[in-house]
Amino acid sequence: MNIIETISRKIGTLVVFGIPVIVGGGIVYHFAQSFPAMFAFEAVLVLAALGFVSK
């Protein structure tokens, strides 16, 4: 893979993880009514995304 393919694949992976962070964060906040719970959920998804991107 060349550098352009690698960068585009990483950006695509971040977009795929970005949608659940936005939508899921809202859902978690709605049910928990707590910002710390929402931030914890988003932190877990960010760590998972970074794990996939670092490959």
Protein backbone atom coordinates (compact mmCIF):
# COMPACT_ATOMS: atom_id res chain seq x y z
CA MET A 1 0.00 0.00 0.00
CA ASN A 2 1.22 3.45 -0.74
CA ILE A 3 0.98 6.39 1.64
CA ILE A 4 -2.28 7.76 0.17
CA GLU A 5 -4.07 4.43 0.60
CA THR A 6 -2.81 4.12 4.14
CA ILE A 7 -3.95 7.61 5.12
CA SER A 8 -7.36 7.20 3.48
CA ARG A 9 -7.88 3.86 5.21
CA LYS A 10 -7.06 5.39 8.61
CA ILE A 11 -9.38 8.35 8.01
CA GLY A 12 -12.15 5.96 6.93
CA THR A 13 -11.70 3.94 10.11
CA LEU A 14 -11.92 7.09 12.23
CA VAL A 15 -15.13 8.12 10.42
CA VAL A 16 -16.65 4.69 11.01
CA PHE A 17 -15.89 5.04 14.74
CA GLY A 18 -16.90 8.71 14.79
CA ILE A 19 -20.56 8.09 13.97
CA PRO A 20 -21.17 5.77 16.97
CA VAL A 21 -19.35 8.23 19.24
CA ILE A 22 -21.73 11.05 18.27
CA VAL A 23 -24.95 9.02 18.19
CA GLY A 24 -24.04 6.65 21.02
CA GLY A 25 -22.90 9.50 23.24
CA GLY A 26 -26.31 11.10 22.90
CA ILE A 27 -28.08 7.83 23.65
CA VAL A 28 -25.91 7.17 26.70
CA TYR A 29 -26.51 10.70 27.98
CA HIS A 30 -30.27 10.34 27.43
CA PHE A 31 -30.53 7.18 29.51
CA ALA A 32 -27.89 7.93 32.14
CA GLN A 33 -28.45 11.71 32.40
CA SER A 34 -24.77 11.95 33.25
CA PHE A 35 -21.89 13.56 31.41
CA PRO A 36 -19.23 11.38 33.11
CA ALA A 37 -21.00 8.24 31.83
CA MET A 38 -21.09 9.73 28.33
CA PHE A 39 -17.41 10.68 28.48
CA ALA A 40 -16.47 7.19 29.68
CA PHE A 41 -18.38 5.64 26.76
CA GLU A 42 -16.68 7.97 24.30
CA ALA A 43 -13.25 7.30 25.81
CA VAL A 44 -13.72 3.55 25.30
CA LEU A 45 -14.68 4.09 21.66
CA VAL A 46 -11.73 6.44 21.09
CA LEU A 47 -9.32 3.88 22.53
CA ALA A 48 -10.81 1.19 20.30
CA ALA A 49 -10.51 3.45 17.26
CA LEU A 50 -6.89 4.24 18.04
CA GLY A 51 -6.21 0.54 18.42
CA PHE A 52 -7.58 -0.15 14.96
CA VAL A 53 -5.83 2.83 13.35
CA SER A 54 -2.43 1.98 14.83
CA LYS A 55 -2.38 -1.37 13.00
